[in-house]
């Protein structure tokens, strides 16, 4: 190790980006520490984000299947179906506990030292953690993001909650208003809708799922409405006041107009996330954030200050756990003198509603801006496995360059879209054409065949429609 330093690498934050960077750096023979102020490792994702929300999504799906007659249609007649919300929460906590302890074990196995506390810079190579000053040759900022607050609304985590509070409601609300029609609002809205809540989604834009492909946004909207979601689009919330056990919301058209009020038992604020840089004392390291509060880096994840690196939600790009993980591996490899690269063009996104919604690469709208494209679509209704499983909703859409046939984007709505998108990402990483996917033999009967058929449809020759 370099002289005068406590560590070769000090990672600030133990979320999916930070803990992966720390483990990879240690694997590469660098003396590594990771600073984390939470009682457990894993960051937002493992503790109050991706993992616990998936546990509740899965549990609520099972409840809905049993309670709303789906199982009965299959000849499985459950008796008196009851909801035990306490047990549902227990399974969520069990999943979180197992995974956070798993990271602690990996830290010990790889000899990563966990420095408990909050970090702030003293200089470009020194960080204060609690009352200890730690000097490191390389410092990786992986502090993630937190919920964006909404002016005029105070979150109390009881009646007015953010995504963390929405995971821990002690009872099913009768009426829930979700502010924000993005991924988190739709997922958590789905959980409570299945368990019996009436859900109203208030979205400032004229359509849900900003950033997703246009066809997907339209189709998803139809599917959610059929499930009982109510949407108030092009609408803004100006105020939320709690009176006892209810909340009164003031809403008005986004373009301006007459205000009205709506009542709810619980309000979920999910309008997005912002980078966590408060309290880091970045100025002491010689760093500033951009207008969006992000730390700018080059493609190797170096900041403008030598020896200081940054990854994940705190830098530009999609705020996704798997992006942060890949950047964690890449930054550790770059620090070790290897070549770590993340292909920002091929990062999948998934919405874990039912059906799932997934995409990778360009939307059709983006692709058309940059040149001529060919689009192939295939409905899940015509896929034999989806039909057998009574999962007719959705489609697969493949967008390819009209001249080269190279796949530019794939968008899927299907019960297992999140799993299916992996094949599309792999194909794009290898520079596949739609013909490459069309001429790859897919197992029958699988949902995956819909991707092959959509690729065949790019050439105008699907078999099953």
Protein backbone atom coordinates (compact mmCIF):
# COMPACT_ATOMS: atom_id res chain seq x y z
CA UNK A 1 0.00 0.00 0.00
CA UNK A 2 1.14 3.55 -0.70
CA UNK A 3 2.91 5.18 2.25
CA UNK A 4 1.05 7.52 4.55
CA UNK A 5 -2.34 6.19 3.50
CA UNK A 6 -4.72 4.17 5.68
CA UNK A 7 -6.31 2.57 2.62
CA UNK A 8 -5.77 2.20 -1.12
CA UNK A 9 -9.51 2.65 -1.67
CA UNK A 10 -12.14 4.22 0.53
CA UNK A 11 -15.74 3.88 -0.71
CA UNK A 12 -18.37 6.25 0.70
CA UNK A 13 -21.71 4.44 0.77
CA UNK A 14 -22.58 0.73 0.91
CA UNK A 15 -25.48 0.59 -1.53
CA UNK A 16 -25.41 -1.55 -4.69
CA UNK A 17 -22.73 0.69 -6.22
CA UNK A 18 -20.56 1.17 -3.13
CA UNK A 19 -20.56 -2.34 -1.70
CA UNK A 20 -19.82 -3.87 -5.12
CA UNK A 21 -16.98 -1.36 -5.73
CA UNK A 22 -15.50 -2.20 -2.31
CA UNK A 23 -15.67 -5.96 -2.84
CA UNK A 24 -14.21 -5.73 -6.36
CA UNK A 25 -11.37 -3.44 -5.19
CA UNK A 26 -10.53 -5.90 -2.39
CA UNK A 27 -10.61 -8.82 -4.84
CA UNK A 28 -8.07 -6.93 -6.95
CA UNK A 29 -5.66 -6.80 -4.00
CA UNK A 30 -6.31 -3.23 -2.84
CA UNK A 31 -6.66 -2.44 0.88
CA UNK A 32 -10.28 -1.28 1.04
CA UNK A 33 -12.72 0.31 3.46
CA UNK A 34 -16.36 1.26 3.03
CA UNK A 35 -18.14 3.99 5.01
CA UNK A 36 -21.83 3.44 5.80
CA UNK A 37 -23.97 5.26 8.36
CA UNK A 38 -26.96 2.89 8.20
CA UNK A 39 -27.11 0.05 10.74
CA UNK A 40 -27.11 -2.43 7.84
CA UNK A 41 -25.33 -2.61 4.48
CA UNK A 42 -27.03 -2.56 1.06
CA UNK A 43 -28.25 1.03 0.87
CA UNK A 44 -31.74 2.11 -0.17
CA UNK A 45 -32.11 -0.79 -2.61
CA UNK A 46 -31.79 -3.61 -0.10
CA UNK A 47 -33.20 -1.91 2.97
CA UNK A 48 -36.13 0.23 1.79
CA UNK A 49 -36.22 -0.05 -2.00
CA UNK A 50 -35.98 -2.73 -4.67
CA UNK A 51 -35.85 -5.75 -2.38
CA UNK A 52 -38.63 -5.13 0.18
CA UNK A 53 -40.92 -3.75 -2.53
CA UNK A 54 -40.51 -6.95 -4.57
CA UNK A 55 -41.34 -9.04 -1.51
CA UNK A 56 -44.59 -7.09 -1.06
CA UNK A 57 -45.36 -7.14 -4.79
CA UNK A 58 -45.03 -10.92 -4.87
CA UNK A 59 -47.03 -11.44 -1.67
CA UNK A 60 -49.82 -9.11 -2.81
CA UNK A 61 -50.00 -10.93 -6.17
CA UNK A 62 -50.50 -14.24 -4.37
CA UNK A 63 -53.23 -12.69 -2.22
CA UNK A 64 -55.02 -11.24 -5.22
CA UNK A 65 -54.90 -14.55 -7.10
CA UNK A 66 -56.45 -16.33 -4.15
CA UNK A 67 -58.96 -13.64 -3.11
CA UNK A 68 -60.19 -12.45 -6.50
CA UNK A 69 -61.08 -15.72 -8.15
CA UNK A 70 -58.01 -16.28 -10.34
CA UNK A 71 -57.11 -19.54 -8.62
CA UNK A 72 -60.74 -20.68 -8.69
CA UNK A 73 -60.72 -20.36 -12.50
CA UNK A 74 -57.84 -22.83 -12.52
CA UNK A 75 -59.80 -25.27 -10.41
CA UNK A 76 -57.94 -24.39 -7.22
CA UNK A 77 -60.62 -23.33 -4.75
CA UNK A 78 -59.14 -21.64 -1.71
CA UNK A 79 -61.49 -21.51 1.27
CA UNK A 80 -61.96 -18.34 3.23
CA UNK A 81 -59.07 -16.11 2.07
CA UNK A 82 -57.82 -13.71 4.73
CA UNK A 83 -55.07 -11.12 4.66
CA UNK A 84 -52.47 -11.37 7.44
CA UNK A 85 -50.61 -8.11 6.80
CA UNK A 86 -48.30 -8.68 9.77
CA UNK A 87 -47.08 -11.94 8.27
CA UNK A 88 -46.67 -10.25 4.87
CA UNK A 89 -44.45 -7.60 6.47
CA UNK A 90 -42.51 -10.34 8.29
CA UNK A 91 -41.60 -12.04 5.01
CA UNK A 92 -40.47 -8.66 3.64
CA UNK A 93 -38.22 -8.09 6.65
CA UNK A 94 -36.85 -11.63 6.44
CA UNK A 95 -35.78 -11.06 2.80
CA UNK A 96 -34.07 -7.79 3.74
CA UNK A 97 -32.31 -9.31 6.75
CA UNK A 98 -30.95 -12.27 4.80
CA UNK A 99 -29.56 -10.11 2.01
CA UNK A 100 -28.06 -7.36 4.18
CA UNK A 101 -26.34 -9.98 6.36
CA UNK A 102 -25.10 -11.59 3.15
CA UNK A 103 -23.20 -8.42 2.27
CA UNK A 104 -21.71 -8.23 5.76
CA UNK A 105 -20.45 -11.79 5.24
CA UNK A 106 -18.98 -10.83 1.83
CA UNK A 107 -17.19 -7.84 3.41
CA UNK A 108 -15.58 -10.15 6.00
CA UNK A 109 -14.72 -12.77 3.37
CA UNK A 110 -13.04 -10.18 1.13
CA UNK A 111 -11.45 -8.25 4.04
CA UNK A 112 -13.31 -5.00 3.40
CA UNK A 113 -13.34 -2.86 6.54
CA UNK A 114 -16.73 -1.31 7.37
CA UNK A 115 -16.32 2.15 8.88
CA UNK A 116 -19.60 2.94 10.64
CA UNK A 117 -20.69 6.55 10.48
CA UNK A 118 -21.12 9.47 8.09
CA UNK A 119 -18.27 10.64 5.89
CA UNK A 120 -17.29 14.19 5.05
CA UNK A 121 -14.24 15.40 3.15
CA UNK A 122 -11.41 17.15 4.97
CA UNK A 123 -9.33 17.35 1.79
CA UNK A 124 -9.07 15.56 -1.56
CA UNK A 125 -7.53 12.46 0.07
CA UNK A 126 -8.85 12.64 3.63
CA UNK A 127 -12.30 11.86 4.94
CA UNK A 128 -13.65 12.35 8.45
CA UNK A 129 -15.77 9.46 9.74
CA UNK A 130 -17.16 10.17 13.21
CA UNK A 131 -14.12 11.52 15.07
CA UNK A 132 -11.58 9.64 12.96
CA UNK A 133 -9.69 11.06 9.98
CA UNK A 134 -9.05 8.47 7.29
CA UNK A 135 -6.59 9.02 4.44
CA UNK A 136 -6.98 7.06 1.21
CA UNK A 137 -5.17 7.07 -2.11
CA UNK A 138 -8.50 6.70 -3.93
CA UNK A 139 -11.92 7.79 -2.71
CA UNK A 140 -15.10 6.59 -4.42
CA UNK A 141 -18.28 8.60 -3.80
CA UNK A 142 -21.24 6.19 -3.95
CA UNK A 143 -23.75 7.99 -1.75
CA UNK A 144 -26.81 7.25 -3.89
CA UNK A 145 -30.03 9.25 -3.90
CA UNK A 146 -33.00 10.05 -1.71
CA UNK A 147 -36.64 10.95 -2.21
CA UNK A 148 -37.30 14.31 -3.89
CA UNK A 149 -39.52 16.38 -1.59
CA UNK A 150 -42.59 18.16 -2.92
CA UNK A 151 -42.95 21.81 -1.86
CA UNK A 152 -45.95 22.40 0.38
CA UNK A 153 -46.09 18.77 1.57
CA UNK A 154 -44.62 17.47 4.81
CA UNK A 155 -43.94 13.74 4.98
CA UNK A 156 -44.86 12.29 8.38
CA UNK A 157 -44.48 8.59 7.37
CA UNK A 158 -47.94 7.89 8.80
CA UNK A 159 -50.54 9.47 6.53
CA UNK A 160 -48.23 11.29 4.12
CA UNK A 161 -45.49 8.84 3.21
CA UNK A 162 -42.59 8.42 0.82
CA UNK A 163 -41.58 5.06 -0.66
CA UNK A 164 -40.06 3.96 2.69
CA UNK A 165 -43.26 4.66 4.61
CA UNK A 166 -45.38 3.06 1.89
CA UNK A 167 -43.60 -0.26 2.53
CA UNK A 168 -44.54 -0.20 6.21
CA UNK A 169 -48.21 0.80 6.40
CA UNK A 170 -49.70 -1.08 9.38
CA UNK A 171 -53.11 -1.43 7.69
CA UNK A 172 -54.55 -1.27 4.19
CA UNK A 173 -55.79 2.27 3.45
CA UNK A 174 -59.26 2.61 1.91
CA UNK A 175 -58.17 5.44 -0.40
CA UNK A 176 -54.58 6.07 -1.42
CA UNK A 177 -53.36 8.90 -3.59
CA UNK A 178 -50.03 8.39 -5.35
CA UNK A 179 -48.32 11.60 -6.43
CA UNK A 180 -46.18 10.71 -9.44
CA UNK A 181 -46.94 8.22 -12.24
CA UNK A 182 -43.41 6.82 -12.43
CA UNK A 183 -42.02 3.38 -11.60
CA UNK A 184 -42.06 3.60 -7.79
CA UNK A 185 -45.58 5.04 -7.56
CA UNK A 186 -47.02 2.39 -9.88
CA UNK A 187 -45.28 -0.48 -8.09
CA UNK A 188 -46.27 0.57 -4.57
CA UNK A 189 -49.73 1.61 -5.77
CA UNK A 190 -50.09 -1.93 -7.18
CA UNK A 191 -49.24 -3.50 -3.82
CA UNK A 192 -51.94 -1.63 -1.90
CA UNK A 193 -54.49 -1.85 -4.72
CA UNK A 194 -54.24 -5.64 -4.69
CA UNK A 195 -54.71 -5.66 -0.93
CA UNK A 196 -57.90 -3.60 -1.24
CA UNK A 197 -57.07 0.12 -1.50
CA UNK A 198 -58.62 2.44 -4.07
CA UNK A 199 -55.71 4.07 -5.90
CA UNK A 200 -55.65 7.47 -7.59
CA UNK A 201 -52.43 8.46 -9.37
CA UNK A 202 -51.83 12.17 -9.85
CA UNK A 203 -49.24 12.87 -12.57
CA UNK A 204 -48.00 16.28 -13.70
CA UNK A 205 -47.30 15.08 -17.27
CA UNK A 206 -49.98 14.00 -19.74
CA UNK A 207 -49.04 10.32 -19.53
CA UNK A 208 -47.58 7.86 -16.98
CA UNK A 209 -44.08 6.32 -17.10
CA UNK A 210 -41.98 9.25 -18.35
CA UNK A 211 -38.95 8.13 -20.37
CA UNK A 212 -40.57 4.89 -21.55
CA UNK A 213 -41.54 4.08 -25.14
CA UNK A 214 -44.79 5.77 -26.28
CA UNK A 215 -46.60 2.51 -27.16
CA UNK A 216 -45.65 1.08 -23.79
CA UNK A 217 -46.94 4.14 -21.94
CA UNK A 218 -50.30 3.97 -23.74
CA UNK A 219 -50.76 0.22 -23.30
CA UNK A 220 -49.65 0.27 -19.65
CA UNK A 221 -52.14 3.04 -18.95
CA UNK A 222 -54.98 0.91 -20.41
CA UNK A 223 -53.93 -2.15 -18.40
CA UNK A 224 -53.71 -0.24 -15.10
CA UNK A 225 -57.10 1.40 -15.68
CA UNK A 226 -58.58 -2.06 -16.26
CA UNK A 227 -57.07 -3.08 -12.91
CA UNK A 228 -58.88 -0.23 -11.19
CA UNK A 229 -56.28 2.54 -11.03
CA UNK A 230 -57.70 6.04 -11.46
CA UNK A 231 -55.39 8.51 -13.22
CA UNK A 232 -55.45 12.29 -12.91
CA UNK A 233 -52.98 13.30 -15.63
CA UNK A 234 -51.66 16.79 -16.46
CA UNK A 235 -52.42 17.62 -12.83
CA UNK A 236 -50.35 19.12 -10.06
CA UNK A 237 -50.66 18.87 -6.30
CA UNK A 238 -50.24 22.22 -4.55
CA UNK A 239 -50.95 21.24 -0.96
CA UNK A 240 -51.59 18.29 1.33
CA UNK A 241 -53.02 18.81 4.80
CA UNK A 242 -53.50 16.12 7.37
CA UNK A 243 -56.55 16.31 9.58
CA UNK A 244 -56.62 13.40 11.99
CA UNK A 245 -56.71 10.22 9.95
CA UNK A 246 -57.37 11.79 6.57
CA UNK A 247 -55.42 13.98 4.19
CA UNK A 248 -56.94 16.70 2.01
CA UNK A 249 -55.08 17.38 -1.22
CA UNK A 250 -55.39 20.52 -3.31
CA UNK A 251 -54.93 19.75 -7.03
CA UNK A 252 -55.15 21.84 -10.17
CA UNK A 253 -54.50 21.39 -13.92
CA UNK A 254 -50.75 21.51 -14.71
CA UNK A 255 -51.39 24.26 -17.28
CA UNK A 256 -53.29 26.31 -14.71
CA UNK A 257 -57.02 26.38 -13.99
CA UNK A 258 -59.61 25.73 -11.32
CA UNK A 259 -58.35 24.02 -8.17
CA UNK A 260 -60.21 21.18 -6.46
CA UNK A 261 -59.67 19.01 -3.42
CA UNK A 262 -59.52 15.24 -2.99
CA UNK A 263 -59.49 13.21 0.22
CA UNK A 264 -57.27 10.24 1.03
CA UNK A 265 -56.32 8.04 3.97
CA UNK A 266 -52.72 7.80 2.79
CA UNK A 267 -50.77 9.90 0.32
CA UNK A 268 -47.59 8.54 -1.28
CA UNK A 269 -45.14 11.14 -2.59
CA UNK A 270 -43.08 9.56 -5.38
CA UNK A 271 -42.04 12.30 -7.79
CA UNK A 272 -38.45 11.11 -8.19
CA UNK A 273 -35.10 10.99 -6.42
CA UNK A 274 -32.22 13.42 -5.96
CA UNK A 275 -28.48 12.77 -5.51
CA UNK A 276 -27.18 12.61 -1.92
CA UNK A 277 -24.37 15.11 -1.54
CA UNK A 278 -25.45 17.07 1.56
CA UNK A 279 -22.96 16.85 4.39
CA UNK A 280 -20.15 15.46 2.22
CA UNK A 281 -18.29 18.81 2.24
CA UNK A 282 -17.44 18.32 -1.45
CA UNK A 283 -15.95 21.83 -1.60
CA UNK A 284 -13.14 20.73 0.74
CA UNK A 285 -12.20 18.11 -1.87
CA UNK A 286 -12.39 20.76 -4.62
CA UNK A 287 -15.62 19.44 -6.13
CA UNK A 288 -18.93 21.06 -7.09
CA UNK A 289 -22.18 19.53 -8.30
CA UNK A 290 -23.90 20.36 -11.61
CA UNK A 291 -27.32 22.04 -11.87
CA UNK A 292 -29.04 18.74 -11.13
CA UNK A 293 -26.99 18.23 -7.99
CA UNK A 294 -24.93 15.45 -9.60
CA UNK A 295 -21.17 14.94 -9.54
CA UNK A 296 -19.77 14.95 -13.09
CA UNK A 297 -17.26 12.24 -14.08
CA UNK A 298 -15.51 11.07 -17.23
CA UNK A 299 -16.24 7.64 -18.77
CA UNK A 300 -13.80 6.05 -16.29
CA UNK A 301 -15.80 7.53 -13.36
CA UNK A 302 -13.01 9.96 -12.43
CA UNK A 303 -14.09 13.34 -11.11
CA UNK A 304 -12.04 16.45 -11.98
CA UNK A 305 -10.06 15.93 -8.73
CA UNK A 306 -7.27 13.34 -8.99
CA UNK A 307 -7.91 10.28 -6.82
CA UNK A 308 -11.61 11.07 -6.34
CA UNK A 309 -14.13 8.93 -8.24
CA UNK A 310 -17.95 8.74 -8.27
CA UNK A 311 -20.57 6.17 -9.34
CA UNK A 312 -24.29 5.38 -9.21
CA UNK A 313 -27.22 7.70 -8.50
CA UNK A 314 -24.91 10.55 -7.52
CA UNK A 315 -23.63 10.90 -11.13
CA UNK A 316 -25.61 11.48 -14.37
CA UNK A 317 -27.56 8.61 -15.95
CA UNK A 318 -30.51 6.44 -14.94
CA UNK A 319 -30.92 5.96 -11.18
CA UNK A 320 -30.90 2.16 -11.22
CA UNK A 321 -29.25 -0.29 -8.83
CA UNK A 322 -27.82 -2.45 -11.63
CA UNK A 323 -26.22 0.57 -13.32
CA UNK A 324 -24.55 1.42 -10.00
CA UNK A 325 -23.35 -2.19 -9.59
CA UNK A 326 -21.75 -2.27 -13.03
CA UNK A 327 -20.13 1.10 -12.37
CA UNK A 328 -18.87 -0.23 -9.01
CA UNK A 329 -17.03 -3.06 -10.75
CA UNK A 330 -15.73 -0.73 -13.48
CA UNK A 331 -14.43 1.95 -11.09
CA UNK A 332 -12.58 -0.64 -8.96
CA UNK A 333 -10.98 -2.10 -12.09
CA UNK A 334 -9.97 1.37 -13.29
CA UNK A 335 -8.42 2.19 -9.91
CA UNK A 336 -6.47 -1.10 -10.12
CA UNK A 337 -5.11 -0.08 -13.54
CA UNK A 338 -7.39 -2.33 -15.56
CA UNK A 339 -10.04 -1.27 -18.07
CA UNK A 340 -13.49 -1.00 -16.55
CA UNK A 341 -16.28 0.05 -18.93
CA UNK A 342 -20.05 0.41 -18.63
CA UNK A 343 -22.05 0.58 -21.85
CA UNK A 344 -24.56 3.28 -20.92
CA UNK A 345 -26.52 2.56 -24.14
CA UNK A 346 -27.58 -0.87 -22.89
CA UNK A 347 -29.03 -0.51 -19.41
CA UNK A 348 -32.38 -2.26 -18.95
CA UNK A 349 -35.25 -0.75 -16.92
CA UNK A 350 -38.02 -2.82 -15.35
CA UNK A 351 -41.33 -1.95 -13.68
CA UNK A 352 -42.39 -4.84 -11.44
CA UNK A 353 -46.12 -4.40 -11.75
CA UNK A 354 -48.32 -7.19 -13.16
CA UNK A 355 -47.73 -7.50 -16.05
CA UNK A 356 -44.13 -6.36 -15.83
CA UNK A 357 -42.89 -3.60 -18.12
CA UNK A 358 -39.30 -3.56 -19.38
CA UNK A 359 -37.16 -1.75 -21.89
CA UNK A 360 -33.57 -1.48 -23.05
CA UNK A 361 -31.95 0.92 -25.52
CA UNK A 362 -33.85 3.61 -27.41
CA UNK A 363 -37.58 4.27 -27.46
CA UNK A 364 -39.16 4.41 -30.92
CA UNK A 365 -39.46 8.19 -30.56
CA UNK A 366 -35.72 8.56 -29.77
CA UNK A 367 -34.71 6.13 -32.53
CA UNK A 368 -36.74 7.98 -35.20
CA UNK A 369 -35.03 11.26 -34.30
CA UNK A 370 -31.67 9.80 -35.28
CA UNK A 371 -32.59 8.00 -38.51
CA UNK A 372 -34.79 5.52 -40.36
CA UNK A 373 -36.02 2.59 -38.33
CA UNK A 374 -38.05 -0.57 -38.77
CA UNK A 375 -40.31 -1.72 -35.96
CA UNK A 376 -41.64 -5.21 -35.27
CA UNK A 377 -44.39 -5.86 -32.73
CA UNK A 378 -45.87 -9.11 -31.46
CA UNK A 379 -48.82 -9.37 -29.03
CA UNK A 380 -48.55 -11.67 -26.00
CA UNK A 381 -52.12 -12.74 -26.84
CA UNK A 382 -50.65 -14.76 -29.72
CA UNK A 383 -47.92 -16.38 -27.59
CA UNK A 384 -48.82 -19.94 -26.63
CA UNK A 385 -47.31 -19.87 -23.12
CA UNK A 386 -48.95 -16.54 -22.25
CA UNK A 387 -52.24 -17.92 -23.56
CA UNK A 388 -51.89 -21.12 -21.52
CA UNK A 389 -51.09 -19.09 -18.41
CA UNK A 390 -54.02 -16.70 -19.02
CA UNK A 391 -51.66 -13.75 -19.36
CA UNK A 392 -52.84 -12.12 -22.60
CA UNK A 393 -51.82 -8.53 -21.84
CA UNK A 394 -48.90 -6.81 -23.50
CA UNK A 395 -46.55 -7.13 -26.44
CA UNK A 396 -42.91 -7.23 -27.49
CA UNK A 397 -41.57 -4.46 -29.68
CA UNK A 398 -38.21 -4.53 -31.46
CA UNK A 399 -36.78 -1.35 -32.98
CA UNK A 400 -34.01 -1.82 -35.55
CA UNK A 401 -31.98 0.46 -37.81
CA UNK A 402 -33.63 0.37 -41.27
CA UNK A 403 -30.28 0.15 -43.10
CA UNK A 404 -28.11 -2.07 -40.91
CA UNK A 405 -30.91 -3.99 -39.12
CA UNK A 406 -29.00 -3.49 -35.85
CA UNK A 407 -31.32 -3.63 -32.81
CA UNK A 408 -31.61 -0.17 -31.22
CA UNK A 409 -34.25 -0.86 -28.57
CA UNK A 410 -36.57 -3.52 -27.20
CA UNK A 411 -39.72 -2.82 -25.17
CA UNK A 412 -41.84 -5.48 -23.48
CA UNK A 413 -45.06 -5.69 -21.49
CA UNK A 414 -45.52 -9.26 -20.27
CA UNK A 415 -45.85 -11.16 -16.99
CA UNK A 416 -42.11 -11.96 -17.10
CA UNK A 417 -40.85 -8.91 -19.04
CA UNK A 418 -38.09 -8.30 -16.47
CA UNK A 419 -36.59 -11.71 -17.15
CA UNK A 420 -37.14 -11.50 -20.92
CA UNK A 421 -35.32 -8.16 -21.23
CA UNK A 422 -32.03 -9.87 -20.32
CA UNK A 423 -31.93 -11.63 -23.68
CA UNK A 424 -32.56 -8.33 -25.48
CA UNK A 425 -29.77 -6.60 -23.52
CA UNK A 426 -27.33 -9.42 -24.30
CA UNK A 427 -28.24 -9.29 -28.01
CA UNK A 428 -27.69 -5.52 -28.10
CA UNK A 429 -24.39 -5.79 -26.20
CA UNK A 430 -23.20 -8.10 -28.99
CA UNK A 431 -24.45 -5.70 -31.68
CA UNK A 432 -27.16 -8.12 -32.85
CA UNK A 433 -29.44 -7.47 -35.81
CA UNK A 434 -33.14 -8.28 -35.63
CA UNK A 435 -32.35 -11.18 -37.97
CA UNK A 436 -29.89 -12.60 -35.41
CA UNK A 437 -32.70 -12.81 -32.84
CA UNK A 438 -35.22 -14.08 -35.42
CA UNK A 439 -32.93 -16.95 -36.44
CA UNK A 440 -32.02 -17.99 -32.89
CA UNK A 441 -33.96 -21.08 -31.85
CA UNK A 442 -36.15 -20.26 -28.85
CA UNK A 443 -37.60 -22.97 -26.55
CA UNK A 444 -41.30 -23.72 -26.98
CA UNK A 445 -43.59 -22.94 -25.26
CA UNK A 446 -42.03 -19.90 -23.57
CA UNK A 447 -42.89 -16.23 -23.27
CA UNK A 448 -39.47 -15.61 -24.80
CA UNK A 449 -40.74 -16.75 -28.23
CA UNK A 450 -42.60 -13.43 -28.46
CA UNK A 451 -39.21 -11.69 -28.74
CA UNK A 452 -38.24 -13.96 -31.65
CA UNK A 453 -41.61 -13.26 -33.35
CA UNK A 454 -41.26 -9.49 -32.84
CA UNK A 455 -37.78 -9.71 -34.41
CA UNK A 456 -39.32 -11.63 -37.34
CA UNK A 457 -41.97 -8.89 -37.57
CA UNK A 458 -39.21 -6.31 -38.17
CA UNK A 459 -38.80 -8.02 -41.56
CA UNK A 460 -42.60 -8.22 -41.83
CA UNK A 461 -42.70 -12.00 -41.42
CA UNK A 462 -43.99 -13.17 -38.03
CA UNK A 463 -45.49 -16.69 -38.09
CA UNK A 464 -48.20 -16.59 -35.45
CA UNK A 465 -50.13 -13.45 -36.38
